[in-house]
Amino acid sequence: MDESVAFLGLIDSYVPRLTDQGKARWQGPDLLERQLLSHCIAHWKAQSGAGAAALARLTSLSGQATLPDFETLLKLCRDEELLYEELAQASDQQLHHYLDREVAHGHALAHYQLEPLGLPIHLFCAEQRPMAPTGTSPTLGWGEVLPKGQLRCVSVPGDHMTMMQAPHVDTLGRSISAALHAVPDTPPSTPAYQSLLAIQSGRDGHAPLFCVPGAGDSVTSFIGLAEALGPDWPIYGLQPRGLDGRSAPHSRVEAAAQSHVQAIEAMYPHGPLHLVGHSFGGWAAHAMAVKLQARGREVVSLTLIDSEAPGGDGLRSKPYTATAVLERLIEALQLSAGRSLEIDPQVFADSDGDTQLHLLQQAMVRVGLLPPRLAAQALQGIVRTFASAIRTVYRPEPGGYSGRASQVLVDDPQLDALDNQLEQASSATGWQHLIPQLTLWQGPGNHFSVLKAPDVYSLAAWWYDGLAIGVGETQ
């Protein structure tokens, strides 16, 4: 959203890993049913002998390999008076909604990945913690995971609940106000972000190409295209924000496009230009074309290279967990490298975030995608920008761009001929809904090899030859 954040305050919040109960707790079958039994077991355990019979029955139910469906189990618990009062008073629909929200929250918490943040974090901690086990971190785990000096810990009278009630809530309010007043008027400086990078300068008389790479990729992915087109064409890459691991990626296609357009106009304020987008970069390139045309700029051509249509049922615009993001990234890296990274899927899925990053780094070193001396932390920028891209939703209005546009289609080696045909037809239909004048070209290779020799020479020849072809014609 590109909004400045000057203050972050946490009220008695634990680091997620201390409360998430692990990934395994929130996956598999019967999650709602087991959550219902978990609530009831915890209640009757606290009743000592008075709840012995109910506890024995609930324990027997929870030990079954296959549980009844939620409606059947809930009716059984009502009939046998296994629900405690608060649950018994709720309707079936209310209980289903409540437990479903709990399971979703637990799943999200277990898969939450802390990202770097360039400002102080204020933690308002309850002074009393009667139920905390011995050895609990006084900073609720934040002091162990944040860089030294980033955490500001403020003690507040009361426990986790009473600190939010009178009279302690007044102290909490004053503490938050004091912390807010201590924030400097000048926000902390953010790392310099330069999106526009020259790939080759070219010669006068040629409209420049501005190229946007795919999810988690760099402008260096277009070096092969520059070589194939020859030295006459000025070619620039628009580097996604966040690849450096210091800045946050754009979370909206429109925001990234606006940033890229500003960079273009600062360097090249007048004259015709070409836009090229690969994969997710096709979305940004389309949004840029819309904005540039609205400003009166001449977009000679828009080229979408194996770019999934926005709003479709593809791999993007989904709420991927941190683990699922890395699994998608591994698939992309294997396709790019042309070989398996040989990462055990189950071991990877069961590992925590830091271990997963190390497993990925070691595998990339094994296949030659990374030099051995590069630390796993160096991958954080790539992972974060890749994650932001594949989670991003883009729903542009049809007709926003009226210029020349082409889509390059390539086969997915993991699909058979029929499935490739269906997937490409779906993508083409989706883009043609937005850009009716879109022309299509079946390119060589796959998603990554189309930008590498020898396939990129066919791509360059098609693009160059297409400059003389009228709008509406298809090669």
Protein backbone atom coordinates (compact mmCIF):
# COMPACT_ATOMS: atom_id res chain seq x y z
CA MET A 1 0.00 0.00 0.00
CA ASP A 2 3.08 2.25 0.26
CA GLU A 3 1.91 3.86 3.51
CA SER A 4 4.52 5.11 5.98
CA VAL A 5 4.48 3.41 9.40
CA ALA A 6 5.97 5.45 12.23
CA PHE A 7 4.90 3.37 15.26
CA LEU A 8 4.21 -0.28 16.09
CA GLY A 9 2.90 -1.27 19.51
CA LEU A 10 2.19 -4.81 20.74
CA ILE A 11 0.05 -5.33 23.84
CA ASP A 12 1.23 -8.43 25.73
CA SER A 13 1.72 -10.37 22.49
CA TYR A 14 3.90 -13.47 22.33
CA VAL A 15 6.14 -14.31 19.41
CA PRO A 16 3.97 -16.66 17.31
CA ARG A 17 6.29 -19.67 17.67
CA LEU A 18 5.69 -19.70 21.46
CA THR A 19 1.92 -20.08 21.11
CA ASP A 20 1.21 -21.66 17.72
CA GLN A 21 1.28 -25.33 18.91
CA GLY A 22 3.17 -26.35 15.75
CA LYS A 23 2.10 -26.87 12.14
CA ALA A 24 0.99 -30.48 12.63
CA ARG A 25 -1.68 -29.37 15.13
CA TRP A 26 -3.51 -27.45 12.40
CA GLN A 27 -3.43 -29.86 9.47
CA GLY A 28 -5.02 -33.16 8.58
CA PRO A 29 -8.62 -34.40 8.79
CA ASP A 30 -11.25 -33.71 11.48
CA LEU A 31 -9.82 -30.32 12.51
CA LEU A 32 -13.16 -28.84 13.61
CA GLU A 33 -14.13 -32.02 15.41
CA ARG A 34 -10.81 -32.24 17.27
CA GLN A 35 -10.98 -28.58 18.20
CA LEU A 36 -14.41 -29.15 19.75
CA LEU A 37 -13.12 -32.13 21.75
CA SER A 38 -10.03 -30.17 22.79
CA HIS A 39 -12.16 -27.42 24.33
CA CYS A 40 -14.28 -29.92 26.22
CA ILE A 41 -11.31 -31.98 27.45
CA ALA A 42 -9.54 -28.86 28.75
CA HIS A 43 -12.67 -27.81 30.65
CA TRP A 44 -13.37 -31.16 32.30
CA LYS A 45 -9.71 -31.65 33.22
CA ALA A 46 -9.93 -28.44 35.24
CA GLN A 47 -12.92 -29.82 37.21
CA SER A 48 -10.85 -32.57 38.87
CA GLY A 49 -12.99 -35.49 40.05
CA ALA A 50 -16.28 -33.83 39.12
CA GLY A 51 -15.48 -34.18 35.44
CA ALA A 52 -13.97 -37.67 35.49
CA ALA A 53 -16.80 -39.42 33.62
CA ALA A 54 -17.09 -36.74 30.94
CA LEU A 55 -13.30 -36.63 30.58
CA ALA A 56 -13.10 -40.40 30.12
CA ARG A 57 -15.78 -40.32 27.41
CA LEU A 58 -14.13 -37.39 25.60
CA THR A 59 -10.71 -39.04 25.78
CA SER A 60 -12.18 -42.18 24.25
CA LEU A 61 -13.74 -40.17 21.43
CA SER A 62 -10.56 -38.24 20.69
CA GLY A 63 -8.60 -41.49 20.47
CA GLN A 64 -10.69 -42.78 17.57
CA ALA A 65 -8.86 -42.95 14.25
CA THR A 66 -11.91 -41.56 12.45
CA LEU A 67 -14.30 -39.16 14.12
CA PRO A 68 -17.98 -38.62 13.27
CA ASP A 69 -18.69 -35.54 11.17
CA PHE A 70 -19.09 -32.26 13.03
CA GLU A 71 -22.90 -32.26 13.21
CA THR A 72 -23.02 -35.85 14.46
CA LEU A 73 -20.26 -35.28 17.03
CA LEU A 74 -21.85 -32.08 18.30
CA LYS A 75 -25.22 -33.80 18.74
CA LEU A 76 -23.52 -36.64 20.62
CA CYS A 77 -21.78 -34.15 22.92
CA ARG A 78 -25.06 -32.34 23.58
CA ASP A 79 -26.99 -35.56 24.22
CA GLU A 80 -24.32 -36.89 26.63
CA GLU A 81 -23.86 -33.46 28.30
CA LEU A 82 -20.18 -33.30 27.42
CA LEU A 83 -20.33 -29.61 26.49
CA TYR A 84 -19.62 -27.08 29.21
CA GLU A 85 -22.12 -24.28 29.78
CA GLU A 86 -20.74 -21.63 27.38
CA LEU A 87 -20.63 -24.11 24.49
CA ALA A 88 -23.96 -25.71 25.35
CA GLN A 89 -25.74 -22.35 25.18
CA ALA A 90 -24.48 -21.62 21.65
CA SER A 91 -26.35 -22.84 18.58
CA ASP A 92 -24.84 -25.42 16.24
CA GLN A 93 -24.21 -22.71 13.65
CA GLN A 94 -22.54 -20.42 16.19
CA LEU A 95 -20.26 -23.21 17.41
CA HIS A 96 -19.30 -24.18 13.87
CA HIS A 97 -18.46 -20.56 13.04
CA TYR A 98 -16.47 -20.05 16.26
CA LEU A 99 -14.43 -23.24 15.93
CA ASP A 100 -13.84 -22.66 12.23
CA ARG A 101 -12.41 -19.22 13.05
CA GLU A 102 -10.22 -20.74 15.77
CA VAL A 103 -8.81 -23.37 13.43
CA ALA A 104 -8.14 -20.78 10.72
CA HIS A 105 -6.40 -18.52 13.25
CA GLY A 106 -4.31 -21.40 14.57
CA HIS A 107 -3.27 -22.42 11.07
CA ALA A 108 -2.33 -18.85 10.18
CA LEU A 109 -0.35 -18.39 13.39
CA ALA A 110 1.58 -21.64 12.92
CA HIS A 111 2.59 -20.57 9.41
CA TYR A 112 3.29 -16.92 10.20
CA GLN A 113 6.72 -15.73 9.13
CA LEU A 114 8.27 -12.68 10.79
CA GLU A 115 9.60 -10.22 8.23
CA PRO A 116 12.29 -7.57 8.78
CA LEU A 117 10.94 -4.21 9.92
CA GLY A 118 12.92 -1.00 9.97
CA LEU A 119 11.44 0.74 13.00
CA PRO A 120 11.36 0.26 16.80
CA ILE A 121 8.81 -2.19 18.21
CA HIS A 122 7.11 -1.23 21.49
CA LEU A 123 5.97 -4.17 23.63
CA PHE A 124 3.60 -3.36 26.51
CA CYS A 125 3.99 -6.33 28.88
CA ALA A 126 1.74 -7.32 31.78
CA GLU A 127 3.70 -7.33 35.06
CA GLN A 128 1.80 -10.33 36.41
CA ARG A 129 1.92 -13.68 34.67
CA PRO A 130 0.58 -16.22 37.19
CA MET A 131 0.11 -19.08 34.71
CA ALA A 132 3.42 -18.68 32.89
CA PRO A 133 5.78 -21.67 33.13
CA THR A 134 9.23 -21.26 34.66
CA GLY A 135 11.73 -19.81 32.21
CA THR A 136 9.20 -17.84 30.18
CA SER A 137 10.94 -15.09 28.25
CA PRO A 138 10.43 -11.69 29.95
CA THR A 139 10.04 -10.18 26.48
CA LEU A 140 7.58 -12.92 25.40
CA GLY A 141 10.13 -14.17 22.88
CA TRP A 142 10.61 -10.91 20.98
CA GLY A 143 13.98 -10.15 22.53
CA GLU A 144 15.31 -13.43 21.16
CA VAL A 145 14.21 -12.91 17.54
CA LEU A 146 14.54 -9.15 16.94
CA PRO A 147 17.81 -7.36 16.20
CA LYS A 148 19.50 -5.88 19.25
CA GLY A 149 18.14 -2.46 20.14
CA GLN A 150 14.91 -2.72 18.13
CA LEU A 151 12.63 -3.75 21.03
CA ARG A 152 11.24 -1.23 23.54
CA CYS A 153 9.71 -3.15 26.46
CA VAL A 154 7.28 -1.30 28.77
CA SER A 155 5.81 -2.94 31.92
CA VAL A 156 2.13 -2.38 32.70
CA PRO A 157 0.39 -3.37 35.99
CA GLY A 158 -1.98 -6.33 35.91
CA ASP A 159 -2.08 -9.62 34.05
CA HIS A 160 -2.95 -10.39 30.43
CA MET A 161 -6.64 -9.63 31.02
CA THR A 162 -6.68 -7.05 33.83
CA MET A 163 -4.15 -4.77 32.12
CA MET A 164 -7.00 -3.94 29.73
CA GLN A 165 -9.42 -3.16 32.57
CA ALA A 166 -9.74 -0.35 35.11
CA PRO A 167 -7.64 0.82 36.86
CA HIS A 168 -4.68 -0.65 34.92
CA VAL A 169 -5.98 0.34 31.49
CA ASP A 170 -5.35 4.00 32.41
CA THR A 171 -1.68 3.18 32.98
CA LEU A 172 -1.59 1.31 29.67
CA GLY A 173 -3.09 4.31 27.89
CA ARG A 174 -0.55 6.68 29.42
CA SER A 175 2.30 4.33 28.47
CA ILE A 176 1.13 4.15 24.86
CA SER A 177 0.71 7.94 24.72
CA ALA A 178 4.21 8.47 26.10
CA ALA A 179 5.66 6.07 23.53
CA LEU A 180 3.79 7.82 20.71
CA HIS A 181 5.01 11.25 21.82
CA ALA A 182 8.57 9.92 21.86
CA VAL A 183 8.41 9.01 18.16
CA PRO A 184 10.57 11.48 16.22
CA ASP A 185 8.81 13.80 13.77
CA THR A 186 11.17 12.66 11.05
CA PRO A 187 10.49 9.00 10.20
CA PRO A 188 13.46 6.64 10.01
CA SER A 189 15.14 6.61 6.64
CA THR A 190 14.26 3.73 4.37
CA PRO A 191 16.76 1.97 2.11
CA ALA A 192 17.11 3.67 -1.26
CA TYR A 193 15.12 1.84 -3.91
CA GLN A 194 16.15 2.26 -7.52
CA SER A 195 13.84 0.30 -9.79
CA LEU A 196 15.14 1.37 -13.21
CA LEU A 197 18.34 -0.39 -14.24
CA ALA A 198 20.01 -0.15 -17.64
CA ILE A 199 20.67 -3.48 -19.35
CA GLN A 200 22.09 -1.90 -22.51
CA SER A 201 22.11 1.71 -23.71
CA GLY A 202 21.33 1.07 -27.40
CA ARG A 203 21.34 3.72 -30.09
CA ASP A 204 19.21 6.73 -31.01
CA GLY A 205 16.26 6.09 -33.27
CA HIS A 206 15.02 3.02 -31.39
CA ALA A 207 12.18 3.24 -28.88
CA PRO A 208 13.44 1.76 -25.60
CA LEU A 209 12.17 -1.48 -24.09
CA PHE A 210 11.22 -1.49 -20.42
CA CYS A 211 11.13 -5.03 -19.03
CA VAL A 212 9.49 -6.31 -15.83
CA PRO A 213 10.70 -9.69 -14.47
CA GLY A 214 8.57 -12.41 -12.94
CA ALA A 215 7.88 -13.23 -9.29
CA GLY A 216 11.07 -13.15 -7.21
CA ASP A 217 13.19 -12.70 -10.32
CA SER A 218 15.70 -10.00 -11.26
CA VAL A 219 16.12 -7.78 -14.32
CA THR A 220 19.13 -9.95 -15.16
CA SER A 221 16.62 -12.47 -16.55
CA PHE A 222 16.35 -10.19 -19.61
CA ILE A 223 20.07 -10.16 -20.44
CA GLY A 224 19.54 -13.01 -22.91
CA LEU A 225 16.78 -11.05 -24.67
CA ALA A 226 19.03 -7.99 -24.91
CA GLU A 227 21.79 -10.05 -26.51
CA ALA A 228 19.32 -11.65 -28.93
CA LEU A 229 17.83 -8.31 -30.02
CA GLY A 230 21.28 -6.87 -30.65
CA PRO A 231 23.05 -3.73 -29.47
CA ASP A 232 20.82 -1.16 -31.21
CA TRP A 233 17.88 -1.39 -28.80
CA PRO A 234 17.95 0.56 -25.51
CA ILE A 235 16.77 -1.97 -22.92
CA TYR A 236 15.99 -1.29 -19.28
CA GLY A 237 14.82 -3.52 -16.47
CA LEU A 238 12.43 -2.54 -13.69
CA GLN A 239 13.65 -4.27 -10.55
CA PRO A 240 10.91 -5.38 -8.12
CA ARG A 241 11.15 -3.69 -4.75
CA GLY A 242 12.25 -5.96 -1.91
CA LEU A 243 14.77 -8.14 -3.74
CA ASP A 244 17.56 -6.54 -1.71
CA GLY A 245 16.05 -8.00 1.48
CA ARG A 246 15.93 -4.56 3.13
CA SER A 247 12.80 -2.98 1.70
CA ALA A 248 9.25 -4.34 1.64
CA PRO A 249 7.85 -5.59 -1.68
CA HIS A 250 4.88 -3.85 -3.24
CA SER A 251 1.68 -5.58 -2.17
CA ARG A 252 -0.44 -4.24 -5.05
CA VAL A 253 0.21 -4.42 -8.78
CA GLU A 254 -1.02 -0.85 -9.21
CA ALA A 255 1.46 0.45 -6.62
CA ALA A 256 4.37 -1.31 -8.31
CA ALA A 257 3.24 -0.01 -11.70
CA GLN A 258 3.00 3.55 -10.37
CA SER A 259 6.53 3.32 -8.98
CA HIS A 260 7.85 1.96 -12.28
CA VAL A 261 6.06 4.64 -14.32
CA GLN A 262 7.54 7.37 -12.15
CA ALA A 263 11.01 5.91 -12.68
CA ILE A 264 10.49 5.78 -16.45
CA GLU A 265 9.21 9.35 -16.66
CA ALA A 266 12.09 10.65 -14.55
CA MET A 267 14.60 9.13 -16.98
CA TYR A 268 12.64 9.18 -20.26
CA PRO A 269 9.86 11.78 -19.98
CA HIS A 270 8.91 11.87 -23.66
CA GLY A 271 8.78 9.58 -26.64
CA PRO A 272 7.47 6.13 -27.61
CA LEU A 273 8.37 3.00 -25.68
CA HIS A 274 7.86 -0.76 -25.56
CA LEU A 275 6.80 -2.72 -22.46
CA VAL A 276 7.70 -6.36 -21.83
CA GLY A 277 6.52 -8.40 -18.84
CA HIS A 278 7.49 -11.97 -17.99
CA SER A 279 5.15 -14.08 -15.84
CA PHE A 280 3.95 -11.95 -12.89
CA GLY A 281 5.77 -9.05 -14.52
CA GLY A 282 3.09 -9.16 -17.22
CA TRP A 283 0.56 -7.88 -14.69
CA ALA A 284 2.78 -4.95 -13.75
CA ALA A 285 3.55 -4.23 -17.42
CA HIS A 286 -0.18 -4.18 -18.24
CA ALA A 287 -0.91 -1.80 -15.36
CA MET A 288 1.99 0.39 -16.53
CA ALA A 289 0.60 0.46 -20.07
CA VAL A 290 -2.77 1.62 -18.74
CA LYS A 291 -1.17 4.40 -16.69
CA LEU A 292 1.20 5.54 -19.43
CA GLN A 293 -1.55 5.70 -22.05
CA ALA A 294 -3.72 7.68 -19.64
CA ARG A 295 -0.88 10.20 -19.41
CA GLY A 296 -0.70 10.51 -23.17
CA ARG A 297 2.45 8.42 -23.65
CA GLU A 298 2.83 6.28 -26.77
CA VAL A 299 3.14 2.61 -25.84
CA VAL A 300 4.25 1.07 -29.13
CA SER A 301 3.80 -2.49 -27.89
CA LEU A 302 2.97 -4.52 -24.80
CA THR A 303 4.42 -8.04 -24.74
CA LEU A 304 3.25 -10.56 -22.14
CA ILE A 305 5.61 -13.55 -21.91
CA ASP A 306 3.93 -16.64 -20.41
CA SER A 307 1.92 -14.41 -18.10
CA GLU A 308 -1.08 -15.93 -16.38
CA ALA A 309 -4.29 -13.96 -16.97
CA PRO A 310 -5.44 -11.91 -13.97
CA GLY A 311 -8.46 -13.20 -12.10
CA GLY A 312 -8.15 -16.77 -13.36
CA ASP A 313 -7.85 -20.05 -11.49
CA GLY A 314 -4.08 -20.31 -11.79
CA LEU A 315 -1.23 -20.31 -9.30
CA ARG A 316 -1.44 -16.66 -8.28
CA SER A 317 -3.75 -14.56 -6.09
CA LYS A 318 -4.03 -17.24 -3.40
CA PRO A 319 -3.42 -16.97 0.38
CA TYR A 320 -0.31 -19.17 0.40
CA THR A 321 1.29 -20.04 3.73
CA ALA A 322 5.02 -19.41 4.16
CA THR A 323 5.69 -23.11 3.55
CA ALA A 324 3.49 -23.20 0.45
CA VAL A 325 5.33 -20.16 -0.91
CA LEU A 326 8.66 -21.96 -0.59
CA GLU A 327 7.21 -25.10 -2.17
CA ARG A 328 6.08 -23.05 -5.20
CA LEU A 329 9.50 -21.38 -5.32
CA ILE A 330 11.22 -24.79 -5.30
CA GLU A 331 9.05 -25.88 -8.25
CA ALA A 332 10.04 -22.72 -10.16
CA LEU A 333 13.74 -23.16 -9.37
CA GLN A 334 13.66 -26.79 -10.50
CA LEU A 335 12.08 -25.80 -13.80
CA SER A 336 14.63 -23.02 -14.24
CA ALA A 337 17.57 -25.29 -13.40
CA GLY A 338 16.24 -28.23 -15.39
CA ARG A 339 16.84 -30.62 -12.50
CA SER A 340 15.46 -31.58 -9.10
CA LEU A 341 16.68 -29.81 -5.97
CA GLU A 342 16.26 -33.16 -4.17
CA ILE A 343 14.53 -31.72 -1.11
CA ASP A 344 12.44 -34.24 0.82
CA PRO A 345 8.89 -32.76 0.71
CA GLN A 346 7.78 -34.13 4.10
CA VAL A 347 10.95 -33.13 5.94
CA PHE A 348 10.68 -29.68 4.38
CA ALA A 349 7.01 -29.24 5.28
CA ASP A 350 7.61 -30.28 8.90
CA SER A 351 10.57 -27.90 9.40
CA ASP A 352 10.42 -24.40 10.84
CA GLY A 353 11.01 -21.33 8.69
CA ASP A 354 14.74 -20.96 9.40
CA THR A 355 15.41 -24.63 8.71
CA GLN A 356 13.42 -24.47 5.47
CA LEU A 357 15.51 -21.53 4.29
CA HIS A 358 18.73 -23.43 5.06
CA LEU A 359 17.44 -26.54 3.26
CA LEU A 360 16.66 -24.41 0.22
CA GLN A 361 20.05 -22.68 0.31
CA GLN A 362 21.91 -25.99 0.56
CA ALA A 363 19.92 -27.46 -2.33
CA MET A 364 20.55 -24.41 -4.53
CA VAL A 365 24.27 -24.67 -3.82
CA ARG A 366 24.21 -28.38 -4.77
CA VAL A 367 22.75 -27.68 -8.21
CA GLY A 368 24.86 -24.60 -8.85
CA LEU A 369 22.15 -21.95 -8.46
CA LEU A 370 24.04 -20.30 -5.57
CA PRO A 371 27.70 -19.94 -4.64
CA PRO A 372 28.62 -21.90 -1.48
CA ARG A 373 29.59 -18.79 0.48
CA LEU A 374 26.16 -17.14 0.16
CA ALA A 375 24.26 -17.45 3.46
CA ALA A 376 20.66 -18.64 3.65
CA GLN A 377 19.58 -15.19 4.88
CA ALA A 378 20.56 -13.80 1.47
CA LEU A 379 17.51 -15.59 0.05
CA GLN A 380 15.05 -13.66 2.20
CA GLY A 381 14.57 -10.88 -0.35
CA ILE A 382 13.87 -13.35 -3.16
CA VAL A 383 11.46 -15.36 -1.00
CA ARG A 384 9.62 -12.29 0.23
CA THR A 385 9.14 -10.73 -3.21
CA PHE A 386 8.11 -14.10 -4.65
CA ALA A 387 5.60 -14.54 -1.83
CA SER A 388 4.15 -11.07 -2.30
CA ALA A 389 3.78 -11.63 -6.03
CA ILE A 390 1.98 -14.98 -5.93
CA ARG A 391 -0.38 -13.76 -3.19
CA THR A 392 -1.23 -10.53 -5.01
CA VAL A 393 -4.70 -10.05 -6.48
CA TYR A 394 -5.00 -8.05 -9.70
CA ARG A 395 -8.44 -7.32 -11.18
CA PRO A 396 -8.11 -4.64 -13.85
CA GLU A 397 -11.07 -3.32 -15.80
CA PRO A 398 -11.38 -4.37 -19.47
CA GLY A 399 -10.36 -1.81 -22.06
CA GLY A 400 -7.87 0.09 -19.94
CA TYR A 401 -5.16 -0.34 -22.57
CA SER A 402 -5.96 0.12 -26.27
CA GLY A 403 -2.55 -0.25 -27.91
CA ARG A 404 -0.75 -3.09 -29.63
CA ALA A 405 -0.41 -6.16 -27.39
CA SER A 406 0.89 -9.70 -27.80
CA GLN A 407 0.99 -12.77 -25.60
CA VAL A 408 3.72 -15.38 -25.81
CA LEU A 409 2.49 -18.88 -24.94
CA VAL A 410 4.89 -21.69 -24.00
CA ASP A 411 4.35 -25.26 -22.89
CA ASP A 412 4.58 -26.44 -19.31
CA PRO A 413 6.74 -29.62 -19.37
CA GLN A 414 4.78 -31.01 -16.42
CA LEU A 415 1.54 -31.05 -18.46
CA ASP A 416 0.55 -33.21 -21.41
CA ALA A 417 -0.43 -31.75 -24.77
CA LEU A 418 -4.15 -31.51 -23.98
CA ASP A 419 -3.67 -29.86 -20.60
CA ASN A 420 -1.19 -27.39 -22.10
CA GLN A 421 -3.73 -26.53 -24.77
CA LEU A 422 -6.48 -26.00 -22.20
CA GLU A 423 -4.30 -23.91 -19.90
CA GLN A 424 -3.06 -21.70 -22.71
CA ALA A 425 -6.56 -21.22 -24.08
CA SER A 426 -7.78 -20.17 -20.64
CA SER A 427 -4.94 -17.69 -20.23
CA ALA A 428 -5.45 -16.25 -23.71
CA THR A 429 -9.19 -15.88 -23.14
CA GLY A 430 -8.58 -14.11 -19.84
CA TRP A 431 -6.15 -11.62 -21.36
CA GLN A 432 -8.31 -11.06 -24.46
CA HIS A 433 -11.20 -10.15 -22.17
CA LEU A 434 -9.03 -7.27 -20.93
CA ILE A 435 -7.24 -6.56 -24.25
CA PRO A 436 -9.50 -7.59 -27.17
CA GLN A 437 -6.83 -6.68 -29.72
CA LEU A 438 -4.32 -9.11 -28.16
CA THR A 439 -2.42 -11.32 -30.62
CA LEU A 440 -0.96 -14.71 -29.73
CA TRP A 441 2.30 -16.47 -30.51
CA GLN A 442 3.29 -20.00 -29.56
CA GLY A 443 6.88 -19.71 -28.38
CA PRO A 444 9.57 -22.36 -27.92
CA GLY A 445 10.81 -23.86 -24.66
CA ASN A 446 9.26 -23.42 -21.25
CA HIS A 447 8.54 -20.66 -18.77
CA PHE A 448 12.23 -19.94 -18.12
CA SER A 449 14.07 -21.24 -21.19
CA VAL A 450 12.14 -18.85 -23.45
CA LEU A 451 14.37 -16.08 -22.06
CA LYS A 452 17.57 -18.11 -22.51
CA ALA A 453 19.59 -19.23 -25.52
CA PRO A 454 18.71 -20.79 -27.87
CA ASP A 455 14.95 -20.21 -27.39
CA VAL A 456 15.32 -16.48 -26.75
CA TYR A 457 16.62 -15.96 -30.31
CA SER A 458 13.29 -17.18 -31.67
CA LEU A 459 11.50 -14.87 -29.24
CA ALA A 460 13.62 -11.90 -30.33
CA ALA A 461 13.09 -12.63 -34.03
CA TRP A 462 9.32 -12.90 -33.55
CA TRP A 463 9.21 -9.67 -31.55
CA TYR A 464 11.31 -7.79 -34.10
CA ASP A 465 9.36 -9.10 -37.09
CA GLY A 466 6.09 -8.28 -35.34
CA LEU A 467 6.85 -4.57 -35.29
CA ALA A 468 5.81 -4.44 -38.94
CA ILE A 469 2.60 -6.45 -38.45
CA GLY A 470 -0.68 -4.59 -38.03
CA VAL A 471 -2.84 -4.79 -34.96
CA GLY A 472 -5.22 -7.73 -35.01
CA GLU A 473 -3.02 -10.08 -37.02
CA THR A 474 -1.71 -13.25 -35.41
CA GLN A 475 1.47 -15.13 -36.22
